[in-house]
Amino acid sequence: MNQSIHHLFVYGSLLSGFQHPAYAYISRYFTLVSKATANGHIYDIGEYPGAVPAPAPALINGELYVVNHSDEFSFAIKQLDDYEGFLVEPGEIPLFRRETVDVTHDNNSTSA
C-alpha cells in the first residue's frame, strides 16, 4: 500500500449512518472529513454493495476519512481488510478489490 495515502473512502453499508459492525474499526482509527464522491457505479450484489470504477459523470456517494495517526494507516487497513474478508487463505479469491481512487469533497480532490 502506498504509505503517502492517509485517507479512506467508504460507501454503501460502511457509511456512518448504517452502524455496520466494521464501522467500529473505521471510527477507531479514522476521523470523518466530509461527504465525498468517486467516479464509478455502485451495484446491489446481495448482502452488501459493490462498486466498479467508471468515468464521469458516474458517481459513487460516500464518506472520506483521514487516519488519526499516519503511522497506523497500514495496521488500520489490515484490520478492516481482515474483518471484511479481503485477507483470504491461499487459493481463495477475495470478495473485493481495494484501489486508490481520486475522491472529490468540499471542492477538493484527494487520493483515498
PDB file of N, CA and C in Angstrom:
ATOM      1  N   MET A   1       0.842  -1.174   0.000  1.00  0.00           N
ATOM      2  CA  MET A   1       0.000   0.000   0.000  1.00  0.00           C
ATOM      3  C   MET A   1       0.886   1.235   0.000  1.00  0.00           C
ATOM      4  N   ASN A   2       0.498   2.245  -0.729  1.00  0.00           N
ATOM      5  CA  ASN A   2       1.228   3.499  -0.817  1.00  0.00           C
ATOM      6  C   ASN A   2       1.164   4.208   0.537  1.00  0.00           C
ATOM      7  N   GLN A   3       2.310   4.379   1.170  1.00  0.00           N
ATOM      8  CA  GLN A   3       2.341   4.976   2.505  1.00  0.00           C
ATOM      9  C   GLN A   3       1.984   6.459   2.507  1.00  0.00           C
ATOM     10  N   SER A   4       1.969   7.123   1.323  1.00  0.00           N
ATOM     11  CA  SER A   4       1.610   8.534   1.301  1.00  0.00           C
ATOM     12  C   SER A   4       0.092   8.734   1.332  1.00  0.00           C
ATOM     13  N   ILE A   5      -0.659   7.675   1.177  1.00  0.00           N
ATOM     14  CA  ILE A   5      -2.122   7.753   1.257  1.00  0.00           C
ATOM     15  C   ILE A   5      -2.522   7.596   2.726  1.00  0.00           C
ATOM     16  N   HIS A   6      -3.286   8.560   3.227  1.00  0.00           N
ATOM     17  CA  HIS A   6      -3.740   8.509   4.614  1.00  0.00           C
ATOM     18  C   HIS A   6      -5.250   8.701   4.722  1.00  0.00           C
ATOM     19  N   HIS A   7      -5.941   8.520   3.597  1.00  0.00           N
ATOM     20  CA  HIS A   7      -7.387   8.696   3.564  1.00  0.00           C
ATOM     21  C   HIS A   7      -8.077   7.392   3.197  1.00  0.00           C
ATOM     22  N   LEU A   8      -9.315   7.278   3.616  1.00  0.00           N
ATOM     23  CA  LEU A   8     -10.148   6.117   3.325  1.00  0.00           C
ATOM     24  C   LEU A   8     -11.487   6.623   2.803  1.00  0.00           C
ATOM     25  N   PHE A   9     -11.902   6.115   1.642  1.00  0.00           N
ATOM     26  CA  PHE A   9     -13.215   6.425   1.082  1.00  0.00           C
ATOM     27  C   PHE A   9     -14.100   5.207   1.289  1.00  0.00           C
ATOM     28  N   VAL A  10     -15.267   5.410   1.885  1.00  0.00           N
ATOM     29  CA  VAL A  10     -16.211   4.312   2.098  1.00  0.00           C
ATOM     30  C   VAL A  10     -17.546   4.667   1.459  1.00  0.00           C
ATOM     31  N   TYR A  11     -18.296   3.622   1.116  1.00  0.00           N
ATOM     32  CA  TYR A  11     -19.612   3.795   0.503  1.00  0.00           C
ATOM     33  C   TYR A  11     -20.509   2.658   0.990  1.00  0.00           C
ATOM     34  N   GLY A  12     -21.777   2.762   0.668  1.00  0.00           N
ATOM     35  CA  GLY A  12     -22.708   1.671   0.976  1.00  0.00           C
ATOM     36  C   GLY A  12     -22.854   1.417   2.463  1.00  0.00           C
ATOM     37  N   SER A  13     -22.787   0.144   2.827  1.00  0.00           N
ATOM     38  CA  SER A  13     -23.041  -0.257   4.212  1.00  0.00           C
ATOM     39  C   SER A  13     -21.954   0.179   5.188  1.00  0.00           C
ATOM     40  N   LEU A  14     -20.816   0.687   4.693  1.00  0.00           N
ATOM     41  CA  LEU A  14     -19.769   1.173   5.600  1.00  0.00           C
ATOM     42  C   LEU A  14     -19.945   2.647   5.968  1.00  0.00           C
ATOM     43  N   LEU A  15     -20.961   3.303   5.427  1.00  0.00           N
ATOM     44  CA  LEU A  15     -21.226   4.696   5.784  1.00  0.00           C
ATOM     45  C   LEU A  15     -21.602   4.793   7.260  1.00  0.00           C
ATOM     46  N   SER A  16     -21.312   5.927   7.861  1.00  0.00           N
ATOM     47  CA  SER A  16     -21.509   6.109   9.301  1.00  0.00           C
ATOM     48  C   SER A  16     -22.938   5.846   9.761  1.00  0.00           C
ATOM     49  N   GLY A  17     -23.934   6.178   8.998  1.00  0.00           N
ATOM     50  CA  GLY A  17     -25.318   6.020   9.416  1.00  0.00           C
ATOM     51  C   GLY A  17     -25.828   4.594   9.452  1.00  0.00           C
ATOM     52  N   PHE A  18     -25.110   3.646   8.845  1.00  0.00           N
ATOM     53  CA  PHE A  18     -25.582   2.270   8.786  1.00  0.00           C
ATOM     54  C   PHE A  18     -25.247   1.458  10.030  1.00  0.00           C
ATOM     55  N   GLN A  19     -24.332   1.920  10.849  1.00  0.00           N
ATOM     56  CA  GLN A  19     -23.923   1.206  12.064  1.00  0.00           C
ATOM     57  C   GLN A  19     -23.479  -0.227  11.771  1.00  0.00           C
ATOM     58  N   HIS A  20     -22.815  -0.420  10.644  1.00  0.00           N
ATOM     59  CA  HIS A  20     -22.249  -1.720  10.277  1.00  0.00           C
ATOM     60  C   HIS A  20     -21.177  -2.068  11.304  1.00  0.00           C
ATOM     61  N   PRO A  21     -21.040  -3.332  11.714  1.00  0.00           N
ATOM     62  CA  PRO A  21     -20.012  -3.695  12.694  1.00  0.00           C
ATOM     63  C   PRO A  21     -18.600  -3.256  12.296  1.00  0.00           C
ATOM     64  N   ALA A  22     -18.303  -3.219  11.006  1.00  0.00           N
ATOM     65  CA  ALA A  22     -16.969  -2.785  10.563  1.00  0.00           C
ATOM     66  C   ALA A  22     -16.736  -1.310  10.840  1.00  0.00           C
ATOM     67  N   TYR A  23     -17.817  -0.557  11.057  1.00  0.00           N
ATOM     68  CA  TYR A  23     -17.654   0.865  11.337  1.00  0.00           C
ATOM     69  C   TYR A  23     -16.887   1.088  12.640  1.00  0.00           C
ATOM     70  N   ALA A  24     -16.909   0.130  13.537  1.00  0.00           N
ATOM     71  CA  ALA A  24     -16.120   0.247  14.773  1.00  0.00           C
ATOM     72  C   ALA A  24     -14.635   0.376  14.446  1.00  0.00           C
ATOM     73  N   TYR A  25     -14.159  -0.360  13.434  1.00  0.00           N
ATOM     74  CA  TYR A  25     -12.756  -0.247  13.012  1.00  0.00           C
ATOM     75  C   TYR A  25     -12.499   1.121  12.393  1.00  0.00           C
ATOM     76  N   ILE A  26     -13.432   1.563  11.565  1.00  0.00           N
ATOM     77  CA  ILE A  26     -13.253   2.859  10.907  1.00  0.00           C
ATOM     78  C   ILE A  26     -13.197   3.968  11.946  1.00  0.00           C
ATOM     79  N   SER A  27     -14.160   4.002  12.859  1.00  0.00           N
ATOM     80  CA  SER A  27     -14.211   5.093  13.836  1.00  0.00           C
ATOM     81  C   SER A  27     -13.082   5.025  14.860  1.00  0.00           C
ATOM     82  N   ARG A  28     -12.482   3.858  15.048  1.00  0.00           N
ATOM     83  CA  ARG A  28     -11.368   3.729  15.984  1.00  0.00           C
ATOM     84  C   ARG A  28     -10.093   4.366  15.423  1.00  0.00           C
ATOM     85  N   TYR A  29      -9.868   4.212  14.135  1.00  0.00           N
ATOM     86  CA  TYR A  29      -8.602   4.642  13.531  1.00  0.00           C
ATOM     87  C   TYR A  29      -8.704   5.865  12.623  1.00  0.00           C
ATOM     88  N   PHE A  30      -9.922   6.249  12.248  1.00  0.00           N
ATOM     89  CA  PHE A  30     -10.102   7.332  11.284  1.00  0.00           C
ATOM     90  C   PHE A  30     -11.077   8.378  11.810  1.00  0.00           C
ATOM     91  N   THR A  31     -10.951   9.594  11.274  1.00  0.00           N
ATOM     92  CA  THR A  31     -11.864  10.686  11.581  1.00  0.00           C
ATOM     93  C   THR A  31     -12.560  11.103  10.291  1.00  0.00           C
ATOM     94  N   LEU A  32     -13.872  11.290  10.357  1.00  0.00           N
ATOM     95  CA  LEU A  32     -14.645  11.714   9.196  1.00  0.00           C
ATOM     96  C   LEU A  32     -14.202  13.106   8.757  1.00  0.00           C
ATOM     97  N   VAL A  33     -13.897  13.241   7.466  1.00  0.00           N
ATOM     98  CA  VAL A  33     -13.547  14.540   6.886  1.00  0.00           C
ATOM     99  C   VAL A  33     -14.811  15.193   6.348  1.00  0.00           C
ATOM    100  N   SER A  34     -15.514  14.478   5.463  1.00  0.00           N
ATOM    101  CA  SER A  34     -16.733  15.016   4.864  1.00  0.00           C
ATOM    102  C   SER A  34     -17.389  13.975   3.974  1.00  0.00           C
ATOM    103  N   LYS A  35     -18.575  14.301   3.504  1.00  0.00           N
ATOM    104  CA  LYS A  35     -19.181  13.506   2.448  1.00  0.00           C
ATOM    105  C   LYS A  35     -18.303  13.688   1.217  1.00  0.00           C
ATOM    106  N   ALA A  36     -18.293  12.676   0.338  1.00  0.00           N
ATOM    107  CA  ALA A  36     -17.418  12.728  -0.828  1.00  0.00           C
ATOM    108  C   ALA A  36     -17.999  11.878  -1.950  1.00  0.00           C
ATOM    109  N   THR A  37     -17.427  12.026  -3.137  1.00  0.00           N
ATOM    110  CA  THR A  37     -17.817  11.206  -4.281  1.00  0.00           C
ATOM    111  C   THR A  37     -16.571  10.690  -4.984  1.00  0.00           C
ATOM    112  N   ALA A  38     -16.738   9.549  -5.655  1.00  0.00           N
ATOM    113  CA  ALA A  38     -15.695   8.975  -6.505  1.00  0.00           C
ATOM    114  C   ALA A  38     -16.366   8.549  -7.803  1.00  0.00           C
ATOM    115  N   ASN A  39     -15.633   8.577  -8.900  1.00  0.00           N
ATOM    116  CA  ASN A  39     -16.197   8.160 -10.182  1.00  0.00           C
ATOM    117  C   ASN A  39     -16.418   6.657 -10.189  1.00  0.00           C
ATOM    118  N   GLY A  40     -17.623   6.239 -10.554  1.00  0.00           N
ATOM    119  CA  GLY A  40     -17.912   4.814 -10.638  1.00  0.00           C
ATOM    120  C   GLY A  40     -19.391   4.521 -10.532  1.00  0.00           C
ATOM    121  N   HIS A  41     -19.699   3.237 -10.621  1.00  0.00           N
ATOM    122  CA  HIS A  41     -21.070   2.743 -10.480  1.00  0.00           C
ATOM    123  C   HIS A  41     -21.134   1.872  -9.233  1.00  0.00           C
ATOM    124  N   ILE A  42     -22.251   1.948  -8.530  1.00  0.00           N
ATOM    125  CA  ILE A  42     -22.467   1.100  -7.366  1.00  0.00           C
ATOM    126  C   ILE A  42     -23.601   0.121  -7.698  1.00  0.00           C
ATOM    127  N   TYR A  43     -23.435  -1.121  -7.268  1.00  0.00           N
ATOM    128  CA  TYR A  43     -24.393  -2.179  -7.586  1.00  0.00           C
ATOM    129  C   TYR A  43     -24.830  -2.890  -6.314  1.00  0.00           C
ATOM    130  N   ASP A  44     -26.087  -3.315  -6.296  1.00  0.00           N
ATOM    131  CA  ASP A  44     -26.605  -4.146  -5.213  1.00  0.00           C
ATOM    132  C   ASP A  44     -26.282  -5.591  -5.575  1.00  0.00           C
ATOM    133  N   ILE A  45     -25.359  -6.196  -4.824  1.00  0.00           N
ATOM    134  CA  ILE A  45     -24.979  -7.577  -5.122  1.00  0.00           C
ATOM    135  C   ILE A  45     -25.381  -8.526  -3.988  1.00  0.00           C
ATOM    136  N   GLY A  46     -26.403  -8.133  -3.255  1.00  0.00           N
ATOM    137  CA  GLY A  46     -26.910  -9.009  -2.200  1.00  0.00           C
ATOM    138  C   GLY A  46     -26.731  -8.409  -0.824  1.00  0.00           C
ATOM    139  N   GLU A  47     -25.892  -9.042  -0.007  1.00  0.00           N
ATOM    140  CA  GLU A  47     -25.710  -8.609   1.376  1.00  0.00           C
ATOM    141  C   GLU A  47     -24.987  -7.273   1.501  1.00  0.00           C
ATOM    142  N   TYR A  48     -24.284  -6.865   0.475  1.00  0.00           N
ATOM    143  CA  TYR A  48     -23.519  -5.622   0.524  1.00  0.00           C
ATOM    144  C   TYR A  48     -23.416  -5.068  -0.891  1.00  0.00           C
ATOM    145  N   PRO A  49     -23.122  -3.768  -1.015  1.00  0.00           N
ATOM    146  CA  PRO A  49     -22.987  -3.184  -2.351  1.00  0.00           C
ATOM    147  C   PRO A  49     -21.590  -3.423  -2.923  1.00  0.00           C
ATOM    148  N   GLY A  50     -21.501  -3.352  -4.220  1.00  0.00           N
ATOM    149  CA  GLY A  50     -20.214  -3.429  -4.905  1.00  0.00           C
ATOM    150  C   GLY A  50     -20.054  -2.198  -5.773  1.00  0.00           C
ATOM    151  N   ALA A  51     -18.832  -1.779  -5.994  1.00  0.00           N
ATOM    152  CA  ALA A  51     -18.561  -0.598  -6.814  1.00  0.00           C
ATOM    153  C   ALA A  51     -17.553  -0.949  -7.890  1.00  0.00           C
ATOM    154  N   VAL A  52     -17.726  -0.317  -9.040  1.00  0.00           N
ATOM    155  CA  VAL A  52     -16.822  -0.504 -10.167  1.00  0.00           C
ATOM    156  C   VAL A  52     -16.421   0.878 -10.655  1.00  0.00           C
ATOM    157  N   PRO A  53     -15.113   1.150 -10.771  1.00  0.00           N
ATOM    158  CA  PRO A  53     -14.688   2.451 -11.293  1.00  0.00           C
ATOM    159  C   PRO A  53     -15.253   2.692 -12.692  1.00  0.00           C
ATOM    160  N   ALA A  54     -15.609   3.929 -12.970  1.00  0.00           N
ATOM    161  CA  ALA A  54     -16.135   4.329 -14.275  1.00  0.00           C
ATOM    162  C   ALA A  54     -15.859   5.819 -14.454  1.00  0.00           C
ATOM    163  N   PRO A  55     -15.789   6.272 -15.687  1.00  0.00           N
ATOM    164  CA  PRO A  55     -15.544   7.699 -15.907  1.00  0.00           C
ATOM    165  C   PRO A  55     -16.759   8.542 -15.516  1.00  0.00           C
ATOM    166  N   ALA A  56     -16.509   9.834 -15.291  1.00  0.00           N
ATOM    167  CA  ALA A  56     -17.602  10.767 -15.018  1.00  0.00           C
ATOM    168  C   ALA A  56     -18.550  10.731 -16.210  1.00  0.00           C
ATOM    169  N   PRO A  57     -19.823  10.920 -16.011  1.00  0.00           N
ATOM    170  CA  PRO A  57     -20.457  11.506 -14.835  1.00  0.00           C
ATOM    171  C   PRO A  57     -20.916  10.492 -13.789  1.00  0.00           C
ATOM    172  N   ALA A  58     -20.581   9.210 -13.941  1.00  0.00           N
ATOM    173  CA  ALA A  58     -20.994   8.208 -12.958  1.00  0.00           C
ATOM    174  C   ALA A  58     -20.328   8.502 -11.616  1.00  0.00           C
ATOM    175  N   LEU A  59     -21.121   8.586 -10.549  1.00  0.00           N
ATOM    176  CA  LEU A  59     -20.577   8.926  -9.230  1.00  0.00           C
ATOM    177  C   LEU A  59     -21.056   7.957  -8.161  1.00  0.00           C
ATOM    178  N   ILE A  60     -20.153   7.655  -7.250  1.00  0.00           N
ATOM    179  CA  ILE A  60     -20.458   6.875  -6.054  1.00  0.00           C
ATOM    180  C   ILE A  60     -20.448   7.851  -4.886  1.00  0.00           C
ATOM    181  N   ASN A  61     -21.544   7.936  -4.157  1.00  0.00           N
ATOM    182  CA  ASN A  61     -21.606   8.792  -2.975  1.00  0.00           C
ATOM    183  C   ASN A  61     -21.045   8.034  -1.784  1.00  0.00           C
ATOM    184  N   GLY A  62     -20.225   8.715  -1.002  1.00  0.00           N
ATOM    185  CA  GLY A  62     -19.634   8.067   0.157  1.00  0.00           C
ATOM    186  C   GLY A  62     -19.135   9.072   1.166  1.00  0.00           C
ATOM    187  N   GLU A  63     -18.209   8.622   1.998  1.00  0.00           N
ATOM    188  CA  GLU A  63     -17.602   9.468   3.027  1.00  0.00           C
ATOM    189  C   GLU A  63     -16.090   9.336   2.948  1.00  0.00           C
ATOM    190  N   LEU A  64     -15.409  10.433   3.213  1.00  0.00           N
ATOM    191  CA  LEU A  64     -13.951  10.463   3.227  1.00  0.00           C
ATOM    192  C   LEU A  64     -13.476  10.579   4.669  1.00  0.00           C
ATOM    193  N   TYR A  65     -12.535   9.717   5.029  1.00  0.00           N
ATOM    194  CA  TYR A  65     -11.943   9.704   6.368  1.00  0.00           C
ATOM    195  C   TYR A  65     -10.441   9.910   6.252  1.00  0.00           C
ATOM    196  N   VAL A  66      -9.842  10.460   7.307  1.00  0.00           N
ATOM    197  CA  VAL A  66      -8.389  10.577   7.403  1.00  0.00           C
ATOM    198  C   VAL A  66      -7.947   9.783   8.626  1.00  0.00           C
ATOM    199  N   VAL A  67      -6.816   9.093   8.496  1.00  0.00           N
ATOM    200  CA  VAL A  67      -6.313   8.280   9.600  1.00  0.00           C
ATOM    201  C   VAL A  67      -5.901   9.203  10.753  1.00  0.00           C
ATOM    202  N   ASN A  68      -6.162   8.785  11.980  1.00  0.00           N
ATOM    203  CA  ASN A  68      -5.822   9.602  13.150  1.00  0.00           C
ATOM    204  C   ASN A  68      -4.319   9.715  13.359  1.00  0.00           C
ATOM    205  N   HIS A  69      -3.595   8.641  13.112  1.00  0.00           N
ATOM    206  CA  HIS A  69      -2.141   8.611  13.285  1.00  0.00           C
ATOM    207  C   HIS A  69      -1.551   7.971  12.039  1.00  0.00           C
ATOM    208  N   SER A  70      -0.799   8.739  11.249  1.00  0.00           N
ATOM    209  CA  SER A  70      -0.320   8.252   9.952  1.00  0.00           C
ATOM    210  C   SER A  70       0.476   6.960  10.056  1.00  0.00           C
ATOM    211  N   ASP A  71       1.164   6.747  11.177  1.00  0.00           N
ATOM    212  CA  ASP A  71       1.942   5.515  11.320  1.00  0.00           C
ATOM    213  C   ASP A  71       1.052   4.288  11.550  1.00  0.00           C
ATOM    214  N   GLU A  72      -0.239   4.480  11.771  1.00  0.00           N
ATOM    215  CA  GLU A  72      -1.169   3.366  11.980  1.00  0.00           C
ATOM    216  C   GLU A  72      -2.001   3.030  10.743  1.00  0.00           C
ATOM    217  N   PHE A  73      -1.778   3.742   9.627  1.00  0.00           N
ATOM    218  CA  PHE A  73      -2.630   3.542   8.458  1.00  0.00           C
ATOM    219  C   PHE A  73      -2.611   2.095   7.977  1.00  0.00           C
ATOM    220  N   SER A  74      -1.439   1.542   7.746  1.00  0.00           N
ATOM    221  CA  SER A  74      -1.352   0.161   7.240  1.00  0.00           C
ATOM    222  C   SER A  74      -2.005  -0.822   8.203  1.00  0.00           C
ATOM    223  N   PHE A  75      -1.761  -0.650   9.502  1.00  0.00           N
ATOM    224  CA  PHE A  75      -2.367  -1.530  10.501  1.00  0.00           C
ATOM    225  C   PHE A  75      -3.891  -1.411  10.468  1.00  0.00           C
ATOM    226  N   ALA A  76      -4.387  -0.179  10.413  1.00  0.00           N
ATOM    227  CA  ALA A  76      -5.835   0.042  10.413  1.00  0.00           C
ATOM    228  C   ALA A  76      -6.490  -0.580   9.186  1.00  0.00           C
ATOM    229  N   ILE A  77      -5.869  -0.430   8.023  1.00  0.00           N
ATOM    230  CA  ILE A  77      -6.418  -1.011   6.797  1.00  0.00           C
ATOM    231  C   ILE A  77      -6.403  -2.536   6.882  1.00  0.00           C
ATOM    232  N   LYS A  78      -5.333  -3.104   7.435  1.00  0.00           N
ATOM    233  CA  LYS A  78      -5.275  -4.569   7.579  1.00  0.00           C
ATOM    234  C   LYS A  78      -6.377  -5.073   8.505  1.00  0.00           C
ATOM    235  N   GLN A  79      -6.686  -4.330   9.568  1.00  0.00           N
ATOM    236  CA  GLN A  79      -7.772  -4.720  10.468  1.00  0.00           C
ATOM    237  C   GLN A  79      -9.103  -4.725   9.722  1.00  0.00           C
ATOM    238  N   LEU A  80      -9.336  -3.681   8.954  1.00  0.00           N
ATOM    239  CA  LEU A  80     -10.575  -3.583   8.187  1.00  0.00           C
ATOM    240  C   LEU A  80     -10.632  -4.666   7.107  1.00  0.00           C
ATOM    241  N   ASP A  81      -9.515  -4.893   6.417  1.00  0.00           N
ATOM    242  CA  ASP A  81      -9.455  -5.942   5.391  1.00  0.00           C
ATOM    243  C   ASP A  81      -9.743  -7.317   5.980  1.00  0.00           C
ATOM    244  N   ASP A  82      -9.194  -7.588   7.151  1.00  0.00           N
ATOM    245  CA  ASP A  82      -9.424  -8.874   7.803  1.00  0.00           C
ATOM    246  C   ASP A  82     -10.903  -9.039   8.135  1.00  0.00           C
ATOM    247  N   TYR A  83     -11.506  -8.017   8.691  1.00  0.00           N
ATOM    248  CA  TYR A  83     -12.919  -8.076   9.044  1.00  0.00           C
ATOM    249  C   TYR A  83     -13.793  -8.264   7.804  1.00  0.00           C
ATOM    250  N   GLU A  84     -13.464  -7.546   6.739  1.00  0.00           N
ATOM    251  CA  GLU A  84     -14.274  -7.568   5.520  1.00  0.00           C
ATOM    252  C   GLU A  84     -14.033  -8.794   4.650  1.00  0.00           C
ATOM    253  N   GLY A  85     -13.057  -9.630   4.989  1.00  0.00           N
ATOM    254  CA  GLY A  85     -12.810 -10.838   4.216  1.00  0.00           C
ATOM    255  C   GLY A  85     -11.868 -10.660   3.046  1.00  0.00           C
ATOM    256  N   PHE A  86     -11.097  -9.577   3.048  1.00  0.00           N
ATOM    257  CA  PHE A  86     -10.144  -9.339   1.964  1.00  0.00           C
ATOM    258  C   PHE A  86      -8.917 -10.229   2.108  1.00  0.00           C
ATOM    259  N   LEU A  87      -8.533 -10.507   3.342  1.00  0.00           N
ATOM    260  CA  LEU A  87      -7.379 -11.368   3.597  1.00  0.00           C
ATOM    261  C   LEU A  87      -7.877 -12.804   3.618  1.00  0.00           C
ATOM    262  N   VAL A  88      -7.519 -13.572   2.595  1.00  0.00           N
ATOM    263  CA  VAL A  88      -8.034 -14.934   2.452  1.00  0.00           C
ATOM    264  C   VAL A  88      -6.893 -15.943   2.453  1.00  0.00           C
ATOM    265  N   GLU A  89      -7.260 -17.196   2.591  1.00  0.00           N
ATOM    266  CA  GLU A  89      -6.290 -18.293   2.564  1.00  0.00           C
ATOM    267  C   GLU A  89      -5.756 -18.472   1.143  1.00  0.00           C
ATOM    268  N   PRO A  90      -4.545 -19.012   1.004  1.00  0.00           N
ATOM    269  CA  PRO A  90      -4.005 -19.273  -0.336  1.00  0.00           C
ATOM    270  C   PRO A  90      -4.982 -20.110  -1.169  1.00  0.00           C
ATOM    271  N   GLY A  91      -5.181 -19.703  -2.408  1.00  0.00           N
ATOM    272  CA  GLY A  91      -6.096 -20.397  -3.306  1.00  0.00           C
ATOM    273  C   GLY A  91      -7.512 -19.851  -3.293  1.00  0.00           C
ATOM    274  N   GLU A  92      -7.873 -19.072  -2.268  1.00  0.00           N
ATOM    275  CA  GLU A  92      -9.196 -18.459  -2.212  1.00  0.00           C
ATOM    276  C   GLU A  92      -9.161 -17.113  -2.925  1.00  0.00           C
ATOM    277  N   ILE A  93     -10.315 -16.663  -3.362  1.00  0.00           N
ATOM    278  CA  ILE A  93     -10.427 -15.378  -4.056  1.00  0.00           C
ATOM    279  C   ILE A  93     -11.128 -14.395  -3.125  1.00  0.00           C
ATOM    280  N   PRO A  94     -10.528 -13.214  -2.891  1.00  0.00           N
ATOM    281  CA  PRO A  94     -11.191 -12.222  -2.037  1.00  0.00           C
ATOM    282  C   PRO A  94     -12.499 -11.746  -2.670  1.00  0.00           C
ATOM    283  N   LEU A  95     -13.420 -11.295  -1.837  1.00  0.00           N
ATOM    284  CA  LEU A  95     -14.715 -10.830  -2.313  1.00  0.00           C
ATOM    285  C   LEU A  95     -14.654  -9.437  -2.925  1.00  0.00           C
ATOM    286  N   PHE A  96     -13.585  -8.696  -2.669  1.00  0.00           N
ATOM    287  CA  PHE A  96     -13.484  -7.353  -3.229  1.00  0.00           C
ATOM    288  C   PHE A  96     -12.035  -7.014  -3.517  1.00  0.00           C
ATOM    289  N   ARG A  97     -11.863  -5.893  -4.192  1.00  0.00           N
ATOM    290  CA  ARG A  97     -10.531  -5.379  -4.510  1.00  0.00           C
ATOM    291  C   ARG A  97     -10.478  -3.940  -4.019  1.00  0.00           C
ATOM    292  N   ARG A  98      -9.426  -3.602  -3.332  1.00  0.00           N
ATOM    293  CA  ARG A  98      -9.249  -2.234  -2.853  1.00  0.00           C
ATOM    294  C   ARG A  98      -8.340  -1.497  -3.830  1.00  0.00           C
ATOM    295  N   GLU A  99      -8.749  -0.291  -4.243  1.00  0.00           N
ATOM    296  CA  GLU A  99      -7.967   0.521  -5.166  1.00  0.00           C
ATOM    297  C   GLU A  99      -7.873   1.945  -4.652  1.00  0.00           C
ATOM    298  N   THR A 100      -6.790   2.613  -5.008  1.00  0.00           N
ATOM    299  CA  THR A 100      -6.674   4.042  -4.741  1.00  0.00           C
ATOM    300  C   THR A 100      -7.481   4.780  -5.801  1.00  0.00           C
ATOM    301  N   VAL A 101      -8.333   5.693  -5.358  1.00  0.00           N
ATOM    302  CA  VAL A 101      -9.170   6.474  -6.274  1.00  0.00           C
ATOM    303  C   VAL A 101      -9.067   7.950  -5.921  1.00  0.00           C
ATOM    304  N   ASP A 102      -9.379   8.795  -6.894  1.00  0.00           N
ATOM    305  CA  ASP A 102      -9.485  10.225  -6.632  1.00  0.00           C
ATOM    306  C   ASP A 102     -10.888  10.496  -6.117  1.00  0.00           C
ATOM    307  N   VAL A 103     -10.957  11.169  -4.989  1.00  0.00           N
ATOM    308  CA  VAL A 103     -12.214  11.449  -4.313  1.00  0.00           C
ATOM    309  C   VAL A 103     -12.415  12.955  -4.286  1.00  0.00           C
ATOM    310  N   THR A 104     -13.634  13.393  -4.579  1.00  0.00           N
ATOM    311  CA  THR A 104     -13.957  14.818  -4.544  1.00  0.00           C
ATOM    312  C   THR A 104     -14.759  15.108  -3.282  1.00  0.00           C
ATOM    313  N   HIS A 105     -14.330  16.155  -2.567  1.00  0.00           N
ATOM    314  CA  HIS A 105     -15.021  16.566  -1.337  1.00  0.00           C
ATOM    315  C   HIS A 105     -14.788  18.044  -1.121  1.00  0.00           C
ATOM    316  N   ASP A 106     -15.798  18.757  -0.736  1.00  0.00           N
ATOM    317  CA  ASP A 106     -15.674  20.185  -0.421  1.00  0.00           C
ATOM    318  C   ASP A 106     -14.884  20.945  -1.485  1.00  0.00           C
ATOM    319  N   ASN A 107     -15.152  20.682  -2.758  1.00  0.00           N
ATOM    320  CA  ASN A 107     -14.466  21.318  -3.897  1.00  0.00           C
ATOM    321  C   ASN A 107     -12.976  21.027  -3.944  1.00  0.00           C
ATOM    322  N   ASN A 108     -12.541  19.940  -3.337  1.00  0.00           N
ATOM    323  CA  ASN A 108     -11.143  19.496  -3.370  1.00  0.00           C
ATOM    324  C   ASN A 108     -11.090  18.074  -3.902  1.00  0.00           C
ATOM    325  N   SER A 109      -9.884  17.649  -4.302  1.00  0.00           N
ATOM    326  CA  SER A 109      -9.671  16.274  -4.736  1.00  0.00           C
ATOM    327  C   SER A 109      -8.579  15.662  -3.875  1.00  0.00           C
ATOM    328  N   THR A 110      -8.801  14.422  -3.440  1.00  0.00           N
ATOM    329  CA  THR A 110      -7.871  13.710  -2.572  1.00  0.00           C
ATOM    330  C   THR A 110      -7.788  12.265  -3.033  1.00  0.00           C
ATOM    331  N   SER A 111      -6.614  11.669  -2.936  1.00  0.00           N
ATOM    332  CA  SER A 111      -6.474  10.239  -3.217  1.00  0.00           C
ATOM    333  C   SER A 111      -6.811   9.459  -1.958  1.00  0.00           C
ATOM    334  N   ALA A 112      -7.614   8.430  -2.117  1.00  0.00           N
ATOM    335  CA  ALA A 112      -8.015   7.606  -0.968  1.00  0.00           C
ATOM    336  C   ALA A 112      -8.067   6.151  -1.396  1.00  0.00           C
TER     337      ALA A 112
END
